[in-house]
Amino acid sequence: THSAQTVALVGSALQGAPLERILNTHLHSDHCGGNAALQAAWPGVQTAIPPGQAAHVRDWDPYALSYTPTGQECPQFRCDAVLQPGSEVPLGDKPWQVHAAPGHDPHSIVLFEPQDRILISADALWENGFGVVFPELEGAQAFAEVSDTLDLIEKLAPRTVIPGHGPVFHDAPRALGVARKRLDGFVQHPLKHALYAAKVLLKYKLLEWQEISVTDLRAWTDATPYFGAMHERHFSDRSQSEWLEGLMNELVRSGAARREGALLINL
């Protein structure tokens, strides 16, 4: 959505130097949606992705890559290499370890620099939680993988964490405690996770649209497979229209959106 801004910001940071590499921790559209624009701006850039979806990128399968199920857009990009868990990748003058970090996404990885104990945690750990556990939306059992990844991060004992969303933070033990408490709540009450996921997907799309009519929003949710699956699995006691109305009201109550006539407007 803001690919031109991404290119401009990267260009400003490079100060005339070429962009040499792009490393994707996972392939959700908010983490790789700028790949195509960056590759167009710097044709020589080498792009490395987790190995689990390399074939889907090469064949460009938007359903397998999650873009169709989530109702999101991601311009086609190429991959040149894979970030194999158990390997190391040189960044600057130091080697960074590649660790598998399934849960939020089954193919996700995190990057760890052991000398200064810096962790690029992707969406496996934020300062106040972690990302939606997408395999759970498909009926898979993935909360245990989230727990295992949190255990991995605890063993790595990072001093500095660079998350996929939110500011850099330094108190990993506190963040892990918050994440485990949140995970326990989801395990005990899967409906809470489904509601959280639905609101996240709706808010993410609203960030792209900025505003949309309720009629068009309903058409989008009707055409988005994850919404149909979540409704059928967790919210079938009400119509999909009633469920969507409740989701919109939740966004308004939390200050993430407002209603203006027939429009839902991003805040």
Protein backbone atom coordinates (compact mmCIF):
# COMPACT_ATOMS: atom_id res chain seq x y z
CA THR A 1 0.00 0.00 0.00
CA HIS A 2 2.88 2.36 0.80
CA SER A 3 5.54 0.81 -1.43
CA ALA A 4 6.71 4.18 -2.78
CA GLN A 5 7.24 5.39 0.77
CA THR A 6 9.14 2.19 1.59
CA VAL A 7 11.46 2.71 -1.38
CA ALA A 8 12.01 6.35 -0.41
CA LEU A 9 12.81 5.49 3.21
CA VAL A 10 15.21 2.72 2.24
CA GLY A 11 16.87 4.99 -0.31
CA SER A 12 17.31 7.70 2.30
CA ALA A 13 18.89 5.24 4.73
CA LEU A 14 21.26 3.91 2.06
CA GLN A 15 22.50 7.43 1.16
CA GLY A 16 23.35 6.43 -2.40
CA ALA A 17 24.66 2.94 -1.68
CA PRO A 18 22.93 0.03 -3.42
CA LEU A 19 20.50 -2.23 -1.59
CA GLU A 20 22.26 -5.60 -1.53
CA ARG A 21 19.91 -7.95 0.34
CA ILE A 22 16.34 -8.38 1.52
CA LEU A 23 15.72 -10.95 4.26
CA ASN A 24 12.12 -11.97 4.96
CA THR A 25 11.39 -13.67 8.27
CA HIS A 26 8.06 -14.86 6.84
CA LEU A 27 5.86 -14.05 3.89
CA HIS A 28 2.77 -12.34 5.25
CA SER A 29 1.98 -9.35 3.08
CA ASP A 30 2.84 -6.78 5.75
CA HIS A 31 6.39 -8.18 5.85
CA CYS A 32 7.10 -8.72 2.16
CA GLY A 33 4.60 -6.48 0.37
CA GLY A 34 7.40 -4.06 -0.47
CA ASN A 35 9.67 -6.70 -2.01
CA ALA A 36 8.57 -6.13 -5.60
CA ALA A 37 9.03 -2.36 -5.39
CA LEU A 38 12.45 -2.73 -3.76
CA GLN A 39 13.50 -5.24 -6.41
CA ALA A 40 12.37 -2.84 -9.14
CA ALA A 41 14.30 0.04 -7.57
CA TRP A 42 17.45 -2.05 -6.98
CA PRO A 43 17.44 -4.84 -9.60
CA GLY A 44 20.61 -6.39 -8.22
CA VAL A 45 19.22 -6.97 -4.73
CA GLN A 46 19.28 -10.57 -3.49
CA THR A 47 16.14 -11.68 -1.66
CA ALA A 48 16.19 -14.53 0.86
CA ILE A 49 13.06 -16.12 2.32
CA PRO A 50 12.24 -19.04 4.64
CA PRO A 51 12.48 -22.35 2.75
CA GLY A 52 8.96 -23.64 3.35
CA GLN A 53 7.31 -21.44 0.73
CA ALA A 54 10.08 -20.98 -1.81
CA ALA A 55 8.27 -23.12 -4.39
CA HIS A 56 5.08 -21.09 -3.93
CA VAL A 57 7.01 -17.88 -4.57
CA ARG A 58 8.71 -19.28 -7.65
CA ASP A 59 5.37 -20.53 -9.04
CA TRP A 60 3.55 -17.54 -7.49
CA ASP A 61 0.61 -19.18 -5.72
CA PRO A 62 -1.25 -16.39 -3.85
CA TYR A 63 -3.54 -18.89 -2.14
CA ALA A 64 -0.71 -20.97 -0.69
CA LEU A 65 1.10 -17.76 0.27
CA SER A 66 -1.96 -16.65 2.33
CA TYR A 67 -2.84 -13.56 0.29
CA THR A 68 -6.10 -14.95 -1.10
CA PRO A 69 -7.31 -16.48 2.21
CA THR A 70 -6.66 -13.21 4.07
CA GLY A 71 -8.11 -11.01 1.32
CA GLN A 72 -4.81 -9.12 1.06
CA GLU A 73 -2.65 -7.95 -1.82
CA CYS A 74 1.03 -8.65 -2.41
CA PRO A 75 2.74 -7.85 -5.73
CA GLN A 76 4.66 -10.79 -7.15
CA PHE A 77 8.35 -10.84 -6.25
CA ARG A 78 11.24 -13.23 -6.80
CA CYS A 79 13.35 -15.13 -4.30
CA ASP A 80 17.05 -15.78 -4.80
CA ALA A 81 17.94 -17.79 -1.69
CA VAL A 82 16.46 -19.42 1.40
CA LEU A 83 17.14 -18.78 5.08
CA GLN A 84 17.65 -22.35 6.24
CA PRO A 85 17.09 -22.93 9.99
CA GLY A 86 20.32 -24.09 11.58
CA SER A 87 22.45 -22.01 9.24
CA GLU A 88 24.08 -18.61 9.66
CA VAL A 89 23.82 -15.49 7.53
CA PRO A 90 26.44 -12.70 7.62
CA LEU A 91 24.99 -9.27 8.40
CA GLY A 92 27.50 -6.48 8.74
CA ASP A 93 30.64 -8.01 10.22
CA LYS A 94 28.91 -10.70 12.31
CA PRO A 95 27.17 -14.02 11.65
CA TRP A 96 23.49 -14.24 12.58
CA GLN A 97 21.88 -17.55 13.44
CA VAL A 98 18.72 -18.62 11.61
CA HIS A 99 16.18 -20.33 13.90
CA ALA A 100 12.84 -21.89 12.97
CA ALA A 101 10.04 -20.08 14.80
CA PRO A 102 6.70 -21.69 13.87
CA GLY A 103 3.41 -20.66 15.44
CA HIS A 104 2.31 -17.34 14.01
CA ASP A 105 3.30 -18.79 10.65
CA PRO A 106 4.51 -22.38 10.19
CA HIS A 107 7.45 -21.29 8.03
CA SER A 108 8.60 -18.28 10.06
CA ILE A 109 12.19 -17.83 11.19
CA VAL A 110 13.92 -15.49 13.63
CA LEU A 111 17.47 -14.15 13.38
CA PHE A 112 19.84 -14.03 16.36
CA GLU A 113 23.28 -12.44 16.75
CA PRO A 114 24.84 -14.24 19.74
CA GLN A 115 27.75 -11.89 20.54
CA ASP A 116 25.58 -8.86 21.31
CA ARG A 117 22.48 -11.06 21.82
CA ILE A 118 20.27 -9.21 19.35
CA LEU A 119 17.10 -10.96 18.19
CA ILE A 120 15.02 -10.08 15.13
CA SER A 121 11.86 -11.71 16.46
CA ALA A 122 9.44 -11.14 13.56
CA ASP A 123 5.90 -11.75 14.88
CA ALA A 124 6.93 -14.52 17.27
CA LEU A 125 7.41 -12.01 20.11
CA TRP A 126 6.38 -8.40 20.51
CA GLU A 127 6.79 -6.26 23.59
CA ASN A 128 3.16 -6.97 24.48
CA GLY A 129 2.25 -10.22 22.78
CA PHE A 130 2.67 -11.93 19.42
CA GLY A 131 0.95 -12.20 16.06
CA VAL A 132 -2.24 -14.01 15.16
CA VAL A 133 -1.67 -17.78 15.08
CA PHE A 134 -2.80 -18.24 11.49
CA PRO A 135 -2.67 -22.07 11.35
CA GLU A 136 -5.35 -22.11 14.07
CA LEU A 137 -7.68 -20.27 11.68
CA GLU A 138 -7.34 -23.20 9.30
CA GLY A 139 -8.17 -25.76 11.98
CA ALA A 140 -4.57 -26.79 12.73
CA GLN A 141 -3.26 -27.10 16.28
CA ALA A 142 -0.50 -24.50 16.50
CA PHE A 143 -0.65 -22.99 19.99
CA ALA A 144 1.93 -25.56 21.14
CA GLU A 145 4.30 -24.31 18.43
CA VAL A 146 3.90 -20.77 19.74
CA SER A 147 4.87 -22.03 23.20
CA ASP A 148 7.90 -23.87 21.82
CA THR A 149 9.06 -20.74 19.99
CA LEU A 150 8.73 -18.68 23.16
CA ASP A 151 10.84 -21.33 24.93
CA LEU A 152 13.45 -21.00 22.18
CA ILE A 153 13.59 -17.23 22.61
CA GLU A 154 13.96 -17.64 26.37
CA LYS A 155 16.95 -19.96 25.82
CA LEU A 156 18.55 -17.48 23.41
CA ALA A 157 18.22 -14.84 26.17
CA PRO A 158 18.34 -11.77 23.91
CA ARG A 159 19.37 -8.43 25.36
CA THR A 160 17.81 -6.49 22.48
CA VAL A 161 14.70 -7.52 20.56
CA ILE A 162 13.71 -6.03 17.19
CA PRO A 163 10.09 -7.14 16.71
CA GLY A 164 8.02 -7.27 13.56
CA HIS A 165 5.68 -4.62 14.99
CA GLY A 166 6.28 -1.99 17.64
CA PRO A 167 9.46 -0.48 19.07
CA VAL A 168 12.75 -2.18 19.86
CA PHE A 169 12.76 -3.40 23.46
CA HIS A 170 15.26 -4.79 25.96
CA ASP A 171 13.24 -6.59 28.63
CA ALA A 172 12.72 -9.95 26.96
CA PRO A 173 11.75 -11.78 30.19
CA ARG A 174 8.87 -9.36 30.75
CA ALA A 175 7.72 -9.68 27.13
CA LEU A 176 7.86 -13.47 27.35
CA GLY A 177 5.72 -13.37 30.48
CA VAL A 178 3.13 -11.21 28.73
CA ALA A 179 3.17 -13.49 25.68
CA ARG A 180 2.75 -16.67 27.73
CA LYS A 181 -0.15 -15.21 29.66
CA ARG A 182 -1.81 -14.20 26.40
CA LEU A 183 -1.17 -17.63 24.91
CA ASP A 184 -2.68 -19.36 27.96
CA GLY A 185 -5.81 -17.26 27.48
CA PHE A 186 -6.08 -18.33 23.85
CA VAL A 187 -5.52 -22.00 24.71
CA GLN A 188 -8.24 -21.88 27.37
CA HIS A 189 -10.61 -19.85 25.19
CA PRO A 190 -9.97 -20.35 21.45
CA LEU A 191 -12.93 -18.09 20.70
CA LYS A 192 -10.88 -15.16 22.06
CA HIS A 193 -8.15 -15.88 19.54
CA ALA A 194 -10.64 -16.13 16.67
CA LEU A 195 -12.18 -12.78 17.64
CA TYR A 196 -8.72 -11.22 17.92
CA ALA A 197 -7.76 -12.59 14.49
CA ALA A 198 -10.93 -11.31 12.84
CA LYS A 199 -10.40 -7.81 14.24
CA VAL A 200 -6.74 -7.81 13.17
CA LEU A 201 -7.60 -8.82 9.59
CA LEU A 202 -10.35 -6.23 9.41
CA LYS A 203 -8.18 -3.44 10.83
CA TYR A 204 -5.28 -4.36 8.53
CA LYS A 205 -7.51 -4.07 5.47
CA LEU A 206 -8.97 -0.83 6.79
CA LEU A 207 -5.45 0.60 6.97
CA GLU A 208 -5.25 -0.03 3.22
CA TRP A 209 -8.70 1.36 2.38
CA GLN A 210 -8.81 4.16 4.99
CA GLU A 211 -12.57 4.17 4.54
CA ILE A 212 -15.10 1.82 3.02
CA SER A 213 -18.85 1.47 2.78
CA VAL A 214 -20.41 -1.23 4.92
CA THR A 215 -21.82 -2.78 1.73
CA ASP A 216 -18.38 -3.08 0.16
CA LEU A 217 -16.90 -4.32 3.41
CA ARG A 218 -19.52 -7.05 3.61
CA ALA A 219 -18.72 -8.06 0.02
CA TRP A 220 -15.03 -8.30 0.93
CA THR A 221 -15.61 -10.47 4.01
CA ASP A 222 -17.99 -12.70 2.04
CA ALA A 223 -15.23 -13.25 -0.55
CA THR A 224 -12.42 -13.76 1.99
CA PRO A 225 -11.96 -17.45 2.90
CA TYR A 226 -10.60 -16.90 6.42
CA PHE A 227 -13.70 -14.94 7.42
CA GLY A 228 -15.98 -17.70 6.18
CA ALA A 229 -13.93 -20.33 8.00
CA MET A 230 -13.84 -18.36 11.27
CA HIS A 231 -17.57 -17.69 11.12
CA GLU A 232 -18.39 -21.34 10.47
CA ARG A 233 -16.02 -22.65 13.14
CA HIS A 234 -16.62 -20.17 15.95
CA PHE A 235 -19.51 -17.78 15.30
CA SER A 236 -22.18 -19.78 13.47
CA ASP A 237 -24.71 -18.97 16.20
CA ARG A 238 -25.30 -15.67 14.38
CA SER A 239 -25.46 -14.65 10.74
CA GLN A 240 -22.28 -13.48 9.03
CA SER A 241 -23.86 -10.04 8.68
CA GLU A 242 -24.57 -9.85 12.43
CA TRP A 243 -21.05 -11.04 13.18
CA LEU A 244 -19.53 -8.37 10.93
CA GLU A 245 -21.65 -5.71 12.61
CA GLY A 246 -20.25 -6.84 15.95
CA LEU A 247 -16.68 -6.70 14.64
CA MET A 248 -17.18 -3.16 13.37
CA ASN A 249 -18.61 -2.14 16.74
CA GLU A 250 -15.56 -3.68 18.47
CA LEU A 251 -13.21 -1.60 16.30
CA VAL A 252 -15.20 1.54 17.10
CA ARG A 253 -15.21 0.80 20.85
CA SER A 254 -11.43 0.28 20.85
CA GLY A 255 -10.79 3.54 18.99
CA ALA A 256 -9.48 1.78 15.87
CA ALA A 257 -12.28 3.03 13.61
CA ARG A 258 -15.38 5.21 13.53
CA ARG A 259 -18.74 5.00 11.80
CA GLU A 260 -19.98 7.87 9.68
CA GLY A 261 -23.27 7.10 8.01
CA ALA A 262 -22.73 4.07 5.77
CA LEU A 263 -18.94 4.34 6.04
CA LEU A 264 -16.40 2.65 8.30
CA ILE A 265 -13.40 4.98 8.64
CA ASN A 266 -9.92 4.12 9.85
CA LEU A 267 -8.50 5.91 12.91
